């Protein structure tokens, strides 16, 4: 892998962690909406399904 591919992978993972963390925090602050753990797992699953094909390309 080239350096640019590794840099893009690190940036995608960083953004994914930030998005999942913000959604979990939002669900934690408003527990009537959804369970925070389920929101975090769903976000991680969606981000993994998006990031994995990009990184393995």
Protein backbone atom coordinates (compact mmCIF):
# COMPACT_ATOMS: atom_id res chain seq x y z
CA UNK A 1 0.00 0.00 0.00
CA UNK A 2 1.16 3.47 -0.74
CA UNK A 3 1.41 6.21 1.81
CA UNK A 4 -1.59 8.10 0.43
CA UNK A 5 -3.81 5.04 0.76
CA UNK A 6 -2.78 4.60 4.38
CA UNK A 7 -3.39 8.29 5.06
CA UNK A 8 -6.86 8.12 3.53
CA UNK A 9 -7.63 5.00 5.57
CA UNK A 10 -6.56 6.70 8.79
CA UNK A 11 -8.64 9.78 7.97
CA UNK A 12 -11.71 7.68 7.16
CA UNK A 13 -11.39 5.74 10.40
CA UNK A 14 -10.95 8.97 12.36
CA UNK A 15 -14.04 10.54 10.84
CA UNK A 16 -16.00 7.33 11.42
CA UNK A 17 -15.05 7.29 15.10
CA UNK A 18 -16.02 10.94 15.48
CA UNK A 19 -19.40 10.42 13.80
CA UNK A 20 -20.18 7.31 15.86
CA UNK A 21 -19.13 9.05 19.04
CA UNK A 22 -21.31 12.06 18.35
CA UNK A 23 -24.32 9.87 17.58
CA UNK A 24 -23.81 7.88 20.78
CA UNK A 25 -23.55 11.11 22.78
CA UNK A 26 -26.72 12.43 21.16
CA UNK A 27 -28.55 9.20 21.97
CA UNK A 28 -27.20 9.34 25.52
CA UNK A 29 -28.53 12.87 26.00
CA UNK A 30 -31.98 11.90 24.64
CA UNK A 31 -32.54 8.34 25.88
CA UNK A 32 -36.22 8.33 24.92
CA UNK A 33 -35.20 8.28 21.27
CA UNK A 34 -32.98 5.18 21.12
CA UNK A 35 -30.60 3.11 23.17
CA UNK A 36 -27.06 4.57 22.98
CA UNK A 37 -25.35 1.21 22.60
CA UNK A 38 -27.56 0.20 19.68
CA UNK A 39 -26.95 3.54 17.99
CA UNK A 40 -23.20 3.07 18.38
CA UNK A 41 -23.26 -0.47 17.02
CA UNK A 42 -25.45 0.53 14.08
CA UNK A 43 -23.17 3.45 13.25
CA UNK A 44 -20.07 1.26 13.47
CA UNK A 45 -21.67 -1.33 11.18
CA UNK A 46 -22.65 1.25 8.58
CA UNK A 47 -19.29 2.99 8.67
CA UNK A 48 -17.48 -0.35 8.38
CA UNK A 49 -19.54 -1.30 5.35
CA UNK A 50 -18.67 2.03 3.72
CA UNK A 51 -14.99 2.26 4.68
CA UNK A 52 -13.93 -1.35 4.03
CA UNK A 53 -14.45 -1.34 0.23
CA UNK A 54 -12.68 2.01 -0.04
CA UNK A 55 -9.64 0.87 1.95
CA UNK A 56 -9.32 -2.53 0.26
CA UNK A 57 -9.45 -1.03 -3.20
